[in-house]
N, C-alpha and C. Protein backbone atom coordinates (compact mmCIF):
# COMPACT_ATOMS: atom_id res chain seq x y z
N MET A 1 -7.65 15.64 -13.33
CA MET A 1 -7.91 14.25 -13.62
C MET A 1 -8.06 13.47 -12.32
N THR A 2 -9.03 12.60 -12.28
CA THR A 2 -9.24 11.72 -11.14
C THR A 2 -9.27 10.28 -11.63
N VAL A 3 -8.43 9.45 -11.06
CA VAL A 3 -8.46 8.03 -11.40
C VAL A 3 -9.66 7.40 -10.72
N GLN A 4 -10.47 6.70 -11.48
CA GLN A 4 -11.66 6.06 -10.92
C GLN A 4 -11.35 4.67 -10.39
N ARG A 5 -10.59 3.86 -11.12
CA ARG A 5 -10.17 2.55 -10.67
C ARG A 5 -9.17 1.99 -11.66
N SER A 6 -8.50 0.94 -11.28
CA SER A 6 -7.58 0.26 -12.18
C SER A 6 -7.70 -1.24 -11.94
N PHE A 7 -7.19 -2.03 -12.89
CA PHE A 7 -7.22 -3.47 -12.75
C PHE A 7 -6.15 -4.07 -13.65
N PRO A 8 -5.64 -5.24 -13.30
CA PRO A 8 -4.65 -5.89 -14.15
C PRO A 8 -5.33 -6.65 -15.29
N ILE A 9 -4.60 -6.78 -16.38
CA ILE A 9 -5.02 -7.64 -17.49
C ILE A 9 -3.91 -8.67 -17.67
N LEU A 10 -4.25 -9.94 -17.46
CA LEU A 10 -3.30 -11.02 -17.63
C LEU A 10 -3.36 -11.50 -19.08
N SER A 11 -2.21 -11.58 -19.74
CA SER A 11 -2.15 -12.06 -21.12
C SER A 11 -1.82 -13.54 -21.13
N THR A 12 -2.51 -14.28 -21.99
CA THR A 12 -2.34 -15.73 -22.03
C THR A 12 -2.65 -16.26 -23.41
N ARG A 13 -2.14 -17.45 -23.69
CA ARG A 13 -2.54 -18.16 -24.89
C ARG A 13 -3.77 -19.02 -24.61
N ASP A 14 -4.05 -19.30 -23.32
CA ASP A 14 -5.13 -20.21 -22.91
C ASP A 14 -6.13 -19.48 -22.01
N LEU A 15 -6.96 -18.65 -22.59
CA LEU A 15 -7.94 -17.90 -21.82
C LEU A 15 -8.89 -18.82 -21.07
N ASP A 16 -9.41 -19.85 -21.72
CA ASP A 16 -10.36 -20.75 -21.06
C ASP A 16 -9.74 -21.40 -19.84
N GLY A 17 -8.52 -21.89 -19.96
CA GLY A 17 -7.87 -22.56 -18.85
C GLY A 17 -7.57 -21.63 -17.70
N LEU A 18 -7.09 -20.41 -18.00
CA LEU A 18 -6.76 -19.46 -16.95
C LEU A 18 -8.02 -18.95 -16.25
N GLU A 19 -9.07 -18.70 -17.03
CA GLU A 19 -10.34 -18.30 -16.42
C GLU A 19 -10.87 -19.41 -15.51
N ALA A 20 -10.82 -20.64 -15.97
CA ALA A 20 -11.30 -21.77 -15.16
C ALA A 20 -10.53 -21.87 -13.85
N PHE A 21 -9.23 -21.60 -13.87
CA PHE A 21 -8.44 -21.63 -12.65
C PHE A 21 -8.95 -20.60 -11.65
N TYR A 22 -9.14 -19.35 -12.08
CA TYR A 22 -9.59 -18.30 -11.16
C TYR A 22 -11.00 -18.57 -10.63
N VAL A 23 -11.84 -19.16 -11.45
CA VAL A 23 -13.18 -19.54 -10.98
C VAL A 23 -13.08 -20.62 -9.92
N ALA A 24 -12.29 -21.66 -10.19
CA ALA A 24 -12.19 -22.79 -9.26
C ALA A 24 -11.42 -22.43 -7.99
N ALA A 25 -10.36 -21.65 -8.12
CA ALA A 25 -9.52 -21.34 -6.96
C ALA A 25 -10.08 -20.23 -6.08
N PHE A 26 -10.72 -19.23 -6.68
CA PHE A 26 -11.10 -18.03 -5.94
C PHE A 26 -12.56 -17.61 -6.12
N ASP A 27 -13.38 -18.50 -6.67
CA ASP A 27 -14.80 -18.20 -6.90
C ASP A 27 -15.00 -16.96 -7.75
N ALA A 28 -14.09 -16.73 -8.69
CA ALA A 28 -14.22 -15.59 -9.60
C ALA A 28 -15.49 -15.74 -10.43
N GLU A 29 -16.04 -14.61 -10.83
CA GLU A 29 -17.23 -14.61 -11.69
C GLU A 29 -17.00 -13.73 -12.89
N ARG A 30 -17.34 -14.25 -14.06
CA ARG A 30 -17.21 -13.47 -15.29
C ARG A 30 -18.28 -12.39 -15.30
N VAL A 31 -17.85 -11.13 -15.50
CA VAL A 31 -18.80 -10.03 -15.58
C VAL A 31 -18.81 -9.38 -16.96
N TYR A 32 -17.85 -9.76 -17.80
CA TYR A 32 -17.80 -9.18 -19.15
C TYR A 32 -16.99 -10.12 -20.03
N ALA A 33 -17.39 -10.20 -21.29
CA ALA A 33 -16.62 -10.96 -22.28
C ALA A 33 -16.69 -10.23 -23.61
N PHE A 34 -15.58 -10.28 -24.34
CA PHE A 34 -15.52 -9.69 -25.68
C PHE A 34 -15.12 -10.80 -26.64
N GLU A 35 -15.86 -10.88 -27.76
CA GLU A 35 -15.59 -11.89 -28.77
C GLU A 35 -15.03 -11.26 -30.03
N ALA A 36 -14.16 -11.98 -30.68
CA ALA A 36 -13.63 -11.60 -32.00
C ALA A 36 -13.48 -12.87 -32.80
N ASP A 37 -13.87 -12.83 -34.04
CA ASP A 37 -13.78 -14.00 -34.93
C ASP A 37 -14.46 -15.22 -34.33
N GLY A 38 -15.59 -15.00 -33.62
CA GLY A 38 -16.37 -16.11 -33.12
C GLY A 38 -15.87 -16.77 -31.85
N ARG A 39 -14.88 -16.16 -31.18
CA ARG A 39 -14.42 -16.75 -29.93
C ARG A 39 -14.14 -15.65 -28.91
N VAL A 40 -14.24 -16.01 -27.65
CA VAL A 40 -13.98 -15.06 -26.56
C VAL A 40 -12.47 -14.81 -26.50
N VAL A 41 -12.09 -13.52 -26.54
CA VAL A 41 -10.67 -13.17 -26.51
C VAL A 41 -10.32 -12.29 -25.30
N TYR A 42 -11.33 -11.92 -24.52
CA TYR A 42 -11.09 -11.07 -23.35
C TYR A 42 -12.23 -11.28 -22.37
N VAL A 43 -11.90 -11.42 -21.10
CA VAL A 43 -12.92 -11.50 -20.05
C VAL A 43 -12.51 -10.63 -18.88
N ALA A 44 -13.50 -10.13 -18.18
CA ALA A 44 -13.29 -9.44 -16.90
C ALA A 44 -13.94 -10.31 -15.84
N LEU A 45 -13.22 -10.55 -14.76
CA LEU A 45 -13.71 -11.38 -13.67
C LEU A 45 -13.73 -10.58 -12.38
N THR A 46 -14.78 -10.77 -11.58
CA THR A 46 -14.71 -10.25 -10.22
C THR A 46 -14.07 -11.33 -9.37
N VAL A 47 -13.13 -10.91 -8.56
CA VAL A 47 -12.44 -11.78 -7.61
C VAL A 47 -12.58 -11.07 -6.27
N GLY A 48 -13.58 -11.48 -5.49
CA GLY A 48 -13.89 -10.74 -4.28
C GLY A 48 -14.37 -9.35 -4.68
N ALA A 49 -13.77 -8.33 -4.09
CA ALA A 49 -14.13 -6.95 -4.39
C ALA A 49 -13.27 -6.36 -5.51
N SER A 50 -12.46 -7.18 -6.15
CA SER A 50 -11.53 -6.72 -7.19
C SER A 50 -11.93 -7.22 -8.56
N THR A 51 -11.27 -6.68 -9.57
CA THR A 51 -11.45 -7.13 -10.95
C THR A 51 -10.10 -7.58 -11.49
N VAL A 52 -10.11 -8.73 -12.15
CA VAL A 52 -8.95 -9.23 -12.88
C VAL A 52 -9.44 -9.55 -14.27
N SER A 53 -8.72 -9.07 -15.27
CA SER A 53 -9.10 -9.36 -16.65
C SER A 53 -8.06 -10.29 -17.27
N ILE A 54 -8.51 -11.04 -18.28
CA ILE A 54 -7.65 -11.97 -18.98
C ILE A 54 -7.87 -11.75 -20.47
N GLY A 55 -6.79 -11.60 -21.21
CA GLY A 55 -6.87 -11.40 -22.65
C GLY A 55 -6.01 -12.39 -23.40
N VAL A 56 -6.48 -12.81 -24.56
CA VAL A 56 -5.71 -13.72 -25.40
C VAL A 56 -4.60 -12.95 -26.10
N ASP A 57 -3.39 -13.52 -26.05
CA ASP A 57 -2.25 -12.99 -26.79
C ASP A 57 -1.47 -14.18 -27.32
N ASN A 58 -1.73 -14.54 -28.55
CA ASN A 58 -1.07 -15.71 -29.14
C ASN A 58 0.39 -15.46 -29.49
N ASP A 59 0.87 -14.21 -29.33
CA ASP A 59 2.25 -13.89 -29.67
C ASP A 59 3.13 -13.74 -28.44
N LEU A 60 2.70 -14.25 -27.30
CA LEU A 60 3.52 -14.15 -26.09
C LEU A 60 4.88 -14.81 -26.32
N PRO A 61 5.97 -14.12 -25.95
CA PRO A 61 7.30 -14.70 -26.18
C PRO A 61 7.67 -15.78 -25.18
N GLY A 62 7.03 -15.82 -24.02
CA GLY A 62 7.38 -16.80 -22.99
C GLY A 62 6.54 -16.55 -21.75
N ASP A 63 7.03 -17.02 -20.61
CA ASP A 63 6.31 -16.84 -19.36
C ASP A 63 6.20 -15.36 -18.99
N PRO A 64 5.11 -14.98 -18.31
CA PRO A 64 4.97 -13.59 -17.88
C PRO A 64 6.05 -13.22 -16.88
N MET A 65 6.47 -11.97 -16.91
CA MET A 65 7.53 -11.51 -16.03
C MET A 65 7.17 -10.15 -15.46
N GLY A 66 7.73 -9.82 -14.31
CA GLY A 66 7.71 -8.46 -13.81
C GLY A 66 6.45 -8.00 -13.11
N ALA A 67 5.52 -8.87 -12.84
CA ALA A 67 4.31 -8.45 -12.15
C ALA A 67 3.79 -9.61 -11.30
N ALA A 68 3.05 -9.26 -10.27
CA ALA A 68 2.43 -10.27 -9.42
C ALA A 68 1.09 -9.72 -8.94
N LEU A 69 0.20 -10.62 -8.55
CA LEU A 69 -1.07 -10.23 -7.96
C LEU A 69 -1.04 -10.57 -6.48
N TRP A 70 -1.51 -9.66 -5.66
CA TRP A 70 -1.67 -9.91 -4.23
C TRP A 70 -3.17 -10.09 -4.00
N ILE A 71 -3.56 -11.21 -3.43
CA ILE A 71 -4.97 -11.49 -3.18
C ILE A 71 -5.14 -11.71 -1.68
N TYR A 72 -5.90 -10.82 -1.03
CA TYR A 72 -6.21 -11.02 0.37
C TYR A 72 -7.34 -12.03 0.49
N VAL A 73 -7.14 -13.01 1.34
CA VAL A 73 -8.13 -14.07 1.58
C VAL A 73 -8.34 -14.21 3.08
N ASP A 74 -9.42 -14.87 3.48
CA ASP A 74 -9.66 -15.03 4.91
C ASP A 74 -8.82 -16.15 5.52
N ASP A 75 -8.27 -17.04 4.68
CA ASP A 75 -7.47 -18.16 5.18
C ASP A 75 -6.41 -18.51 4.13
N ALA A 76 -5.18 -18.03 4.33
CA ALA A 76 -4.11 -18.25 3.35
C ALA A 76 -3.81 -19.73 3.16
N ASP A 77 -3.90 -20.51 4.22
CA ASP A 77 -3.61 -21.94 4.11
C ASP A 77 -4.64 -22.63 3.21
N ASP A 78 -5.91 -22.31 3.41
CA ASP A 78 -6.97 -22.91 2.60
C ASP A 78 -6.86 -22.44 1.15
N ALA A 79 -6.62 -21.16 0.93
CA ALA A 79 -6.50 -20.63 -0.43
C ALA A 79 -5.31 -21.27 -1.16
N TYR A 80 -4.21 -21.45 -0.45
CA TYR A 80 -3.01 -22.10 -1.01
C TYR A 80 -3.35 -23.53 -1.43
N ARG A 81 -3.97 -24.30 -0.54
CA ARG A 81 -4.34 -25.68 -0.82
C ARG A 81 -5.28 -25.75 -2.03
N ARG A 82 -6.29 -24.89 -2.01
CA ARG A 82 -7.29 -24.89 -3.09
C ARG A 82 -6.65 -24.53 -4.43
N ALA A 83 -5.76 -23.53 -4.43
CA ALA A 83 -5.09 -23.14 -5.67
C ALA A 83 -4.25 -24.29 -6.23
N LEU A 84 -3.53 -24.99 -5.35
CA LEU A 84 -2.72 -26.13 -5.80
C LEU A 84 -3.60 -27.24 -6.36
N GLU A 85 -4.74 -27.47 -5.74
CA GLU A 85 -5.64 -28.54 -6.19
C GLU A 85 -6.17 -28.29 -7.59
N VAL A 86 -6.27 -27.02 -8.00
CA VAL A 86 -6.85 -26.73 -9.31
C VAL A 86 -5.82 -26.24 -10.33
N GLY A 87 -4.53 -26.51 -10.06
CA GLY A 87 -3.54 -26.28 -11.10
C GLY A 87 -2.42 -25.31 -10.83
N ALA A 88 -2.42 -24.62 -9.71
CA ALA A 88 -1.30 -23.73 -9.39
C ALA A 88 -0.09 -24.57 -8.99
N THR A 89 1.09 -23.96 -9.06
CA THR A 89 2.29 -24.60 -8.55
C THR A 89 2.80 -23.78 -7.37
N SER A 90 3.35 -24.47 -6.40
CA SER A 90 3.82 -23.82 -5.18
C SER A 90 5.12 -23.05 -5.40
N VAL A 91 5.17 -21.86 -4.85
CA VAL A 91 6.41 -21.08 -4.80
C VAL A 91 6.88 -21.02 -3.35
N ALA A 92 5.95 -20.75 -2.43
CA ALA A 92 6.27 -20.71 -1.00
C ALA A 92 5.02 -21.10 -0.22
N ALA A 93 5.16 -22.05 0.68
CA ALA A 93 4.05 -22.48 1.53
C ALA A 93 3.64 -21.35 2.46
N PRO A 94 2.43 -21.39 2.99
CA PRO A 94 1.98 -20.34 3.91
C PRO A 94 2.92 -20.21 5.11
N ALA A 95 3.22 -18.96 5.45
CA ALA A 95 4.10 -18.69 6.59
C ALA A 95 3.73 -17.33 7.17
N LEU A 96 3.97 -17.19 8.46
CA LEU A 96 3.74 -15.92 9.13
C LEU A 96 4.89 -14.97 8.78
N MET A 97 4.54 -13.79 8.28
CA MET A 97 5.54 -12.80 7.88
C MET A 97 5.87 -11.88 9.06
N PRO A 98 7.04 -11.24 9.03
CA PRO A 98 7.44 -10.35 10.12
C PRO A 98 6.45 -9.21 10.37
N TRP A 99 5.68 -8.81 9.36
CA TRP A 99 4.73 -7.71 9.53
C TRP A 99 3.37 -8.19 10.03
N GLY A 100 3.25 -9.51 10.33
CA GLY A 100 2.05 -10.03 10.98
C GLY A 100 1.02 -10.68 10.08
N GLU A 101 1.28 -10.77 8.79
CA GLU A 101 0.33 -11.42 7.88
C GLU A 101 0.82 -12.82 7.55
N ARG A 102 -0.13 -13.72 7.32
CA ARG A 102 0.21 -15.07 6.85
C ARG A 102 0.13 -15.04 5.33
N VAL A 103 1.20 -15.46 4.65
CA VAL A 103 1.30 -15.30 3.20
C VAL A 103 1.84 -16.58 2.57
N ALA A 104 1.26 -16.94 1.43
CA ALA A 104 1.74 -18.03 0.57
C ALA A 104 1.96 -17.47 -0.82
N GLN A 105 2.74 -18.19 -1.62
CA GLN A 105 2.97 -17.79 -3.00
C GLN A 105 2.76 -18.99 -3.91
N VAL A 106 2.04 -18.76 -5.02
CA VAL A 106 1.83 -19.78 -6.04
C VAL A 106 1.96 -19.14 -7.41
N ARG A 107 2.15 -19.98 -8.41
CA ARG A 107 2.06 -19.53 -9.80
C ARG A 107 0.80 -20.14 -10.39
N ASP A 108 -0.03 -19.28 -11.01
CA ASP A 108 -1.24 -19.79 -11.65
C ASP A 108 -0.84 -20.55 -12.91
N PRO A 109 -1.77 -21.24 -13.56
CA PRO A 109 -1.41 -22.03 -14.75
C PRO A 109 -0.83 -21.20 -15.90
N GLY A 110 -1.06 -19.89 -15.88
CA GLY A 110 -0.47 -19.02 -16.90
C GLY A 110 0.92 -18.55 -16.56
N GLY A 111 1.40 -18.89 -15.35
CA GLY A 111 2.74 -18.50 -14.93
C GLY A 111 2.79 -17.25 -14.08
N PHE A 112 1.64 -16.64 -13.79
CA PHE A 112 1.61 -15.42 -13.00
C PHE A 112 1.80 -15.73 -11.52
N LEU A 113 2.62 -14.93 -10.86
CA LEU A 113 2.88 -15.09 -9.43
C LEU A 113 1.72 -14.48 -8.64
N LEU A 114 1.18 -15.27 -7.71
CA LEU A 114 0.10 -14.82 -6.84
C LEU A 114 0.56 -14.88 -5.40
N TYR A 115 0.37 -13.80 -4.67
CA TYR A 115 0.55 -13.79 -3.23
C TYR A 115 -0.82 -13.97 -2.60
N LEU A 116 -0.95 -14.93 -1.72
CA LEU A 116 -2.21 -15.19 -1.03
C LEU A 116 -1.99 -14.82 0.42
N GLY A 117 -2.59 -13.70 0.83
CA GLY A 117 -2.31 -13.17 2.17
C GLY A 117 -3.54 -13.08 3.04
N THR A 118 -3.34 -13.37 4.32
CA THR A 118 -4.37 -13.17 5.33
C THR A 118 -3.89 -12.04 6.21
N PRO A 119 -4.67 -10.95 6.31
CA PRO A 119 -4.24 -9.82 7.14
C PRO A 119 -3.98 -10.23 8.58
N GLY A 120 -3.03 -9.54 9.21
CA GLY A 120 -2.72 -9.79 10.61
C GLY A 120 -3.83 -9.30 11.52
N GLU A 121 -3.69 -9.65 12.77
CA GLU A 121 -4.72 -9.27 13.76
C GLU A 121 -4.76 -7.78 13.97
């Protein structure tokens, strides 16, 4: 067996809102959508060279737990500012990490933790 690729699927009650956040914050582009009962219930987005999918789950018990997305960007400070402007909440402002990368943390409107990192020199 050979793994070809993998991607996260974020579960939400508000697919439209969460998709709009990723489009506005990270220039994500929808590359696939699945409809059921006349409405979109699943989308796949390209985010840079990666794929992030979002699926509707109206039975979510609460905020998402136990997972985070790491997104490498060319400017962590700009990505942090832009994410906050379009609905993210701050967890940690951009700071230089001991391993040489500049990293910020935000929660997207769905509650998912995002690390926004700029690789070190």
